[in-house]
Amino acid sequence: MVKKLKDASAEERILTAAKKVFLAKGMSGARMQDIADEAGINKALVHYYFKNKEQLFEKIFMELSTSFFPKMVAIFASPDSLKKKIESFCSAYIDNILDNPHIPLFVLNEISQRPATFIKKVLKVSPLNMAFMSQQIDAEIKAGNIKPISAVQLMMNVLSMCIFPFIGKPILMNIMKLDEGVFRQLMEARKREIPKFIFDSIKK
């Protein structure tokens, strides 16, 4: 039992260290020695648990993907109203990033370094069909409920307003003299502010 606990602890240390290294250097720039150094263990032990960095990255990516992307895709595939979907997405996205603050930079690193591979992995885990969302937006426009807007433009508006505060967090906190508690309060309020801003801008 003690040995299993030690094994589990070592593997968790490796995964935690790998997330930090992959976040800082991306998949291409990371080395197994970097991960071993960050975990404070011998590189041979890292190789004992994970044959190579590709296998280790895949493990981390799948953990992130299966806990994050499917939730986002499910919201847009639901039969909820357009307004409800945007409210649910903003709330779920912000909650997820507050609990996993490394995700935005992790994703940005991979998109910038290996865009085709990253998108392929994401779509494999969580295939996104925007057709239903586009039809829903078109129906709202035809009903006279919202101004004409493409699904792509609407999604870019929602995503950018959710993502930017986390990407720009160091700058925002420094310029505005915020601490972690205040930042979290602002993001909690943003769950309501973003949908309100979006619908105020497109409603007729």
C-alpha atoms as a PDB file:
ATOM      1  CA  MET A   1       0.000   0.000   0.000  1.00  0.00           C
ATOM      2  CA  VAL A   2       2.821   2.397   0.879  1.00  0.00           C
ATOM      3  CA  LYS A   3       4.541   1.659  -2.430  1.00  0.00           C
ATOM      4  CA  LYS A   4       1.342   2.430  -4.378  1.00  0.00           C
ATOM      5  CA  LEU A   5       0.902   5.697  -2.548  1.00  0.00           C
ATOM      6  CA  LYS A   6       4.488   6.651  -3.331  1.00  0.00           C
ATOM      7  CA  ASP A   7       3.988   5.703  -6.976  1.00  0.00           C
ATOM      8  CA  ALA A   8       0.818   7.781  -7.196  1.00  0.00           C
ATOM      9  CA  SER A   9       2.578  10.696  -5.537  1.00  0.00           C
ATOM     10  CA  ALA A  10       5.533  10.497  -7.926  1.00  0.00           C
ATOM     11  CA  GLU A  11       3.303  10.341 -10.979  1.00  0.00           C
ATOM     12  CA  GLU A  12       1.298  13.321  -9.759  1.00  0.00           C
ATOM     13  CA  ARG A  13       4.519  15.293  -9.201  1.00  0.00           C
ATOM     14  CA  ILE A  14       5.590  14.480 -12.747  1.00  0.00           C
ATOM     15  CA  LEU A  15       2.241  15.580 -14.203  1.00  0.00           C
ATOM     16  CA  THR A  16       2.231  18.797 -12.172  1.00  0.00           C
ATOM     17  CA  ALA A  17       5.792  19.579 -13.256  1.00  0.00           C
ATOM     18  CA  ALA A  18       5.020  18.716 -16.873  1.00  0.00           C
ATOM     19  CA  LYS A  19       2.033  21.089 -16.959  1.00  0.00           C
ATOM     20  CA  LYS A  20       4.272  23.893 -15.736  1.00  0.00           C
ATOM     21  CA  VAL A  21       7.047  23.123 -18.243  1.00  0.00           C
ATOM     22  CA  PHE A  22       4.686  22.634 -21.192  1.00  0.00           C
ATOM     23  CA  LEU A  23       2.956  25.890 -20.274  1.00  0.00           C
ATOM     24  CA  ALA A  24       6.253  27.772 -20.240  1.00  0.00           C
ATOM     25  CA  LYS A  25       7.940  26.135 -23.239  1.00  0.00           C
ATOM     26  CA  GLY A  26       5.236  24.401 -25.231  1.00  0.00           C
ATOM     27  CA  MET A  27       5.446  20.852 -26.519  1.00  0.00           C
ATOM     28  CA  SER A  28       8.329  21.600 -28.909  1.00  0.00           C
ATOM     29  CA  GLY A  29      10.554  23.407 -26.422  1.00  0.00           C
ATOM     30  CA  ALA A  30      10.056  21.118 -23.419  1.00  0.00           C
ATOM     31  CA  ARG A  31      12.549  18.403 -22.526  1.00  0.00           C
ATOM     32  CA  MET A  32      12.141  15.426 -20.224  1.00  0.00           C
ATOM     33  CA  GLN A  33      15.112  16.722 -18.217  1.00  0.00           C
ATOM     34  CA  ASP A  34      13.259  20.020 -17.685  1.00  0.00           C
ATOM     35  CA  ILE A  35      10.286  18.099 -16.321  1.00  0.00           C
ATOM     36  CA  ALA A  36      12.483  15.949 -14.084  1.00  0.00           C
ATOM     37  CA  ASP A  37      14.243  19.042 -12.724  1.00  0.00           C
ATOM     38  CA  GLU A  38      10.918  20.781 -12.068  1.00  0.00           C
ATOM     39  CA  ALA A  39       9.594  17.685 -10.264  1.00  0.00           C
ATOM     40  CA  GLY A  40      12.822  17.302  -8.293  1.00  0.00           C
ATOM     41  CA  ILE A  41      13.336  13.699  -9.382  1.00  0.00           C
ATOM     42  CA  ASN A  42      15.661  11.678 -11.617  1.00  0.00           C
ATOM     43  CA  LYS A  43      14.927  11.733 -15.342  1.00  0.00           C
ATOM     44  CA  ALA A  44      14.963   7.916 -15.368  1.00  0.00           C
ATOM     45  CA  LEU A  45      11.937   7.941 -13.070  1.00  0.00           C
ATOM     46  CA  VAL A  46      10.072  10.238 -15.459  1.00  0.00           C
ATOM     47  CA  HIS A  47      10.809   7.769 -18.273  1.00  0.00           C
ATOM     48  CA  TYR A  48       9.621   4.925 -16.041  1.00  0.00           C
ATOM     49  CA  TYR A  49       6.138   6.451 -15.908  1.00  0.00           C
ATOM     50  CA  PHE A  50       6.112   8.047 -19.365  1.00  0.00           C
ATOM     51  CA  LYS A  51       8.212   6.728 -22.243  1.00  0.00           C
ATOM     52  CA  ASN A  52       8.649  10.118 -23.876  1.00  0.00           C
ATOM     53  CA  LYS A  53       7.402  13.682 -23.704  1.00  0.00           C
ATOM     54  CA  GLU A  54       4.819  13.024 -26.435  1.00  0.00           C
ATOM     55  CA  GLN A  55       3.165  10.398 -24.227  1.00  0.00           C
ATOM     56  CA  LEU A  56       3.308  12.743 -21.241  1.00  0.00           C
ATOM     57  CA  PHE A  57       1.861  15.629 -23.232  1.00  0.00           C
ATOM     58  CA  GLU A  58      -0.921  13.398 -24.537  1.00  0.00           C
ATOM     59  CA  LYS A  59      -1.816  12.426 -20.968  1.00  0.00           C
ATOM     60  CA  ILE A  60      -2.027  16.067 -19.875  1.00  0.00           C
ATOM     61  CA  PHE A  61      -3.871  17.154 -22.997  1.00  0.00           C
ATOM     62  CA  MET A  62      -6.484  14.420 -22.618  1.00  0.00           C
ATOM     63  CA  GLU A  63      -7.054  15.346 -18.976  1.00  0.00           C
ATOM     64  CA  LEU A  64      -7.597  18.978 -19.933  1.00  0.00           C
ATOM     65  CA  SER A  65      -9.692  18.142 -22.970  1.00  0.00           C
ATOM     66  CA  THR A  66     -12.030  15.642 -21.370  1.00  0.00           C
ATOM     67  CA  SER A  67     -12.734  17.943 -18.425  1.00  0.00           C
ATOM     68  CA  PHE A  68     -13.075  21.181 -20.379  1.00  0.00           C
ATOM     69  CA  PHE A  69     -13.897  21.133 -24.087  1.00  0.00           C
ATOM     70  CA  PRO A  70     -16.853  18.680 -23.996  1.00  0.00           C
ATOM     71  CA  LYS A  71     -18.667  20.916 -21.490  1.00  0.00           C
ATOM     72  CA  MET A  72     -18.315  23.901 -23.797  1.00  0.00           C
ATOM     73  CA  VAL A  73     -19.464  21.963 -26.876  1.00  0.00           C
ATOM     74  CA  ALA A  74     -22.459  20.505 -25.013  1.00  0.00           C
ATOM     75  CA  ILE A  75     -23.725  23.997 -24.171  1.00  0.00           C
ATOM     76  CA  PHE A  76     -23.934  25.051 -27.822  1.00  0.00           C
ATOM     77  CA  ALA A  77     -25.464  21.725 -28.865  1.00  0.00           C
ATOM     78  CA  SER A  78     -28.234  22.016 -26.269  1.00  0.00           C
ATOM     79  CA  PRO A  79     -31.841  23.024 -27.115  1.00  0.00           C
ATOM     80  CA  ASP A  80     -31.598  26.085 -24.833  1.00  0.00           C
ATOM     81  CA  SER A  81     -32.355  29.583 -26.095  1.00  0.00           C
ATOM     82  CA  LEU A  82     -29.532  31.626 -27.607  1.00  0.00           C
ATOM     83  CA  LYS A  83     -29.459  33.914 -24.583  1.00  0.00           C
ATOM     84  CA  LYS A  84     -29.355  30.970 -22.180  1.00  0.00           C
ATOM     85  CA  LYS A  85     -26.519  29.343 -24.125  1.00  0.00           C
ATOM     86  CA  ILE A  86     -24.369  32.447 -23.964  1.00  0.00           C
ATOM     87  CA  GLU A  87     -25.088  32.854 -20.243  1.00  0.00           C
ATOM     88  CA  SER A  88     -24.255  29.182 -19.620  1.00  0.00           C
ATOM     89  CA  PHE A  89     -21.090  29.323 -21.714  1.00  0.00           C
ATOM     90  CA  CYS A  90     -19.747  32.430 -19.973  1.00  0.00           C
ATOM     91  CA  SER A  91     -20.477  30.988 -16.543  1.00  0.00           C
ATOM     92  CA  ALA A  92     -19.019  27.547 -17.315  1.00  0.00           C
ATOM     93  CA  TYR A  93     -15.944  28.945 -19.076  1.00  0.00           C
ATOM     94  CA  ILE A  94     -15.085  31.385 -16.308  1.00  0.00           C
ATOM     95  CA  ASP A  95     -15.650  28.748 -13.605  1.00  0.00           C
ATOM     96  CA  ASN A  96     -13.377  26.314 -15.442  1.00  0.00           C
ATOM     97  CA  ILE A  97     -10.575  28.827 -15.925  1.00  0.00           C
ATOM     98  CA  LEU A  98     -10.761  30.086 -12.349  1.00  0.00           C
ATOM     99  CA  ASP A  99     -10.234  26.468 -11.260  1.00  0.00           C
ATOM    100  CA  ASN A 100      -7.645  25.756 -13.992  1.00  0.00           C
ATOM    101  CA  PRO A 101      -5.856  29.070 -14.696  1.00  0.00           C
ATOM    102  CA  HIS A 102      -3.144  27.393 -16.803  1.00  0.00           C
ATOM    103  CA  ILE A 103      -5.565  26.387 -19.592  1.00  0.00           C
ATOM    104  CA  PRO A 104      -5.644  29.624 -21.681  1.00  0.00           C
ATOM    105  CA  LEU A 105      -1.853  29.920 -21.990  1.00  0.00           C
ATOM    106  CA  PHE A 106      -1.529  26.167 -22.489  1.00  0.00           C
ATOM    107  CA  VAL A 107      -3.976  26.362 -25.393  1.00  0.00           C
ATOM    108  CA  LEU A 108      -2.347  29.490 -26.843  1.00  0.00           C
ATOM    109  CA  ASN A 109       1.087  27.864 -26.766  1.00  0.00           C
ATOM    110  CA  GLU A 110      -0.147  24.856 -28.698  1.00  0.00           C
ATOM    111  CA  ILE A 111      -2.207  26.878 -31.182  1.00  0.00           C
ATOM    112  CA  SER A 112       0.800  29.064 -31.976  1.00  0.00           C
ATOM    113  CA  GLN A 113       3.283  26.203 -32.249  1.00  0.00           C
ATOM    114  CA  ARG A 114       1.216  23.305 -33.612  1.00  0.00           C
ATOM    115  CA  PRO A 115      -2.171  24.658 -34.760  1.00  0.00           C
ATOM    116  CA  ALA A 116      -3.174  21.776 -37.059  1.00  0.00           C
ATOM    117  CA  THR A 117      -2.262  19.098 -34.520  1.00  0.00           C
ATOM    118  CA  PHE A 118      -3.983  20.929 -31.674  1.00  0.00           C
ATOM    119  CA  ILE A 119      -7.236  21.509 -33.569  1.00  0.00           C
ATOM    120  CA  LYS A 120      -7.259  17.887 -34.723  1.00  0.00           C
ATOM    121  CA  LYS A 121      -6.941  16.696 -31.132  1.00  0.00           C
ATOM    122  CA  VAL A 122      -9.662  19.049 -29.886  1.00  0.00           C
ATOM    123  CA  LEU A 123     -12.120  18.052 -32.595  1.00  0.00           C
ATOM    124  CA  LYS A 124     -11.386  14.384 -31.945  1.00  0.00           C
ATOM    125  CA  VAL A 125     -12.324  14.797 -28.296  1.00  0.00           C
ATOM    126  CA  SER A 126     -15.140  17.319 -28.798  1.00  0.00           C
ATOM    127  CA  PRO A 127     -16.418  17.657 -32.366  1.00  0.00           C
ATOM    128  CA  LEU A 128     -18.139  21.019 -32.714  1.00  0.00           C
ATOM    129  CA  ASN A 129     -21.006  21.468 -35.148  1.00  0.00           C
ATOM    130  CA  MET A 130     -21.820  25.144 -35.587  1.00  0.00           C
ATOM    131  CA  ALA A 131     -24.675  24.481 -38.027  1.00  0.00           C
ATOM    132  CA  PHE A 132     -27.331  24.321 -35.300  1.00  0.00           C
ATOM    133  CA  MET A 133     -25.985  27.460 -33.640  1.00  0.00           C
ATOM    134  CA  SER A 134     -26.032  29.304 -36.973  1.00  0.00           C
ATOM    135  CA  GLN A 135     -29.606  28.208 -37.623  1.00  0.00           C
ATOM    136  CA  GLN A 136     -30.633  29.390 -34.175  1.00  0.00           C
ATOM    137  CA  ILE A 137     -29.056  32.798 -34.734  1.00  0.00           C
ATOM    138  CA  ASP A 138     -30.707  33.095 -38.156  1.00  0.00           C
ATOM    139  CA  ALA A 139     -34.076  32.236 -36.602  1.00  0.00           C
ATOM    140  CA  GLU A 140     -33.620  34.962 -33.966  1.00  0.00           C
ATOM    141  CA  ILE A 141     -32.758  37.476 -36.711  1.00  0.00           C
ATOM    142  CA  LYS A 142     -35.768  36.509 -38.835  1.00  0.00           C
ATOM    143  CA  ALA A 143     -38.027  36.747 -35.792  1.00  0.00           C
ATOM    144  CA  GLY A 144     -36.834  40.307 -35.311  1.00  0.00           C
ATOM    145  CA  ASN A 145     -35.362  39.582 -31.880  1.00  0.00           C
ATOM    146  CA  ILE A 146     -31.754  40.480 -32.704  1.00  0.00           C
ATOM    147  CA  LYS A 147     -29.852  42.502 -35.286  1.00  0.00           C
ATOM    148  CA  PRO A 148     -28.213  40.673 -38.200  1.00  0.00           C
ATOM    149  CA  ILE A 149     -24.928  39.073 -37.093  1.00  0.00           C
ATOM    150  CA  SER A 150     -23.036  36.002 -38.247  1.00  0.00           C
ATOM    151  CA  ALA A 151     -22.511  33.070 -35.907  1.00  0.00           C
ATOM    152  CA  VAL A 152     -18.734  33.473 -36.339  1.00  0.00           C
ATOM    153  CA  GLN A 153     -18.764  37.140 -35.305  1.00  0.00           C
ATOM    154  CA  LEU A 154     -21.010  36.426 -32.330  1.00  0.00           C
ATOM    155  CA  MET A 155     -18.811  33.557 -31.151  1.00  0.00           C
ATOM    156  CA  MET A 156     -15.645  35.643 -31.540  1.00  0.00           C
ATOM    157  CA  ASN A 157     -17.219  38.373 -29.421  1.00  0.00           C
ATOM    158  CA  VAL A 158     -18.211  35.963 -26.651  1.00  0.00           C
ATOM    159  CA  LEU A 159     -14.924  34.052 -26.658  1.00  0.00           C
ATOM    160  CA  SER A 160     -12.703  37.121 -26.704  1.00  0.00           C
ATOM    161  CA  MET A 161     -14.576  38.747 -23.823  1.00  0.00           C
ATOM    162  CA  CYS A 162     -14.258  35.568 -21.752  1.00  0.00           C
ATOM    163  CA  ILE A 163     -10.651  34.776 -22.618  1.00  0.00           C
ATOM    164  CA  PHE A 164      -8.899  38.149 -22.583  1.00  0.00           C
ATOM    165  CA  PRO A 165      -9.074  38.887 -18.817  1.00  0.00           C
ATOM    166  CA  PHE A 166      -7.271  35.603 -18.114  1.00  0.00           C
ATOM    167  CA  ILE A 167      -4.657  36.080 -20.835  1.00  0.00           C
ATOM    168  CA  GLY A 168      -4.082  39.676 -19.778  1.00  0.00           C
ATOM    169  CA  LYS A 169      -4.361  38.976 -16.063  1.00  0.00           C
ATOM    170  CA  PRO A 170      -0.744  39.901 -15.115  1.00  0.00           C
ATOM    171  CA  ILE A 171      -1.034  43.241 -16.900  1.00  0.00           C
ATOM    172  CA  LEU A 172      -4.513  43.994 -15.569  1.00  0.00           C
ATOM    173  CA  MET A 173      -3.528  43.146 -11.995  1.00  0.00           C
ATOM    174  CA  ASN A 174      -0.413  45.308 -12.189  1.00  0.00           C
ATOM    175  CA  ILE A 175      -1.985  48.338 -13.848  1.00  0.00           C
ATOM    176  CA  MET A 176      -5.188  48.268 -11.801  1.00  0.00           C
ATOM    177  CA  LYS A 177      -3.464  47.182  -8.561  1.00  0.00           C
ATOM    178  CA  LEU A 178      -5.704  44.144  -8.092  1.00  0.00           C
ATOM    179  CA  ASP A 179      -5.147  41.188  -5.813  1.00  0.00           C
ATOM    180  CA  GLU A 180      -6.352  37.612  -6.414  1.00  0.00           C
ATOM    181  CA  GLY A 181      -9.501  38.101  -4.372  1.00  0.00           C
ATOM    182  CA  VAL A 182     -10.577  41.202  -6.265  1.00  0.00           C
ATOM    183  CA  PHE A 183      -9.735  39.592  -9.609  1.00  0.00           C
ATOM    184  CA  ARG A 184     -11.918  36.608  -8.764  1.00  0.00           C
ATOM    185  CA  GLN A 185     -14.795  38.898  -7.748  1.00  0.00           C
ATOM    186  CA  LEU A 186     -14.480  40.730 -11.068  1.00  0.00           C
ATOM    187  CA  MET A 187     -14.595  37.467 -12.993  1.00  0.00           C
ATOM    188  CA  GLU A 188     -17.625  36.286 -11.024  1.00  0.00           C
ATOM    189  CA  ALA A 189     -19.369  39.529 -11.998  1.00  0.00           C
ATOM    190  CA  ARG A 190     -18.229  39.035 -15.590  1.00  0.00           C
ATOM    191  CA  LYS A 191     -20.441  35.935 -15.864  1.00  0.00           C
ATOM    192  CA  ARG A 192     -23.363  38.361 -15.873  1.00  0.00           C
ATOM    193  CA  GLU A 193     -21.705  41.345 -17.547  1.00  0.00           C
ATOM    194  CA  ILE A 194     -20.665  39.578 -20.747  1.00  0.00           C
ATOM    195  CA  PRO A 195     -24.098  38.142 -21.711  1.00  0.00           C
ATOM    196  CA  LYS A 196     -25.716  41.488 -20.849  1.00  0.00           C
ATOM    197  CA  PHE A 197     -23.197  43.398 -22.983  1.00  0.00           C
ATOM    198  CA  ILE A 198     -23.582  40.980 -25.900  1.00  0.00           C
ATOM    199  CA  PHE A 199     -27.391  41.088 -25.919  1.00  0.00           C
ATOM    200  CA  ASP A 200     -27.569  44.824 -25.370  1.00  0.00           C
ATOM    201  CA  SER A 201     -25.443  45.188 -28.516  1.00  0.00           C
ATOM    202  CA  ILE A 202     -27.528  42.889 -30.765  1.00  0.00           C
ATOM    203  CA  LYS A 203     -31.090  43.159 -29.516  1.00  0.00           C
ATOM    204  CA  LYS A 204     -33.566  45.225 -31.513  1.00  0.00           C
END
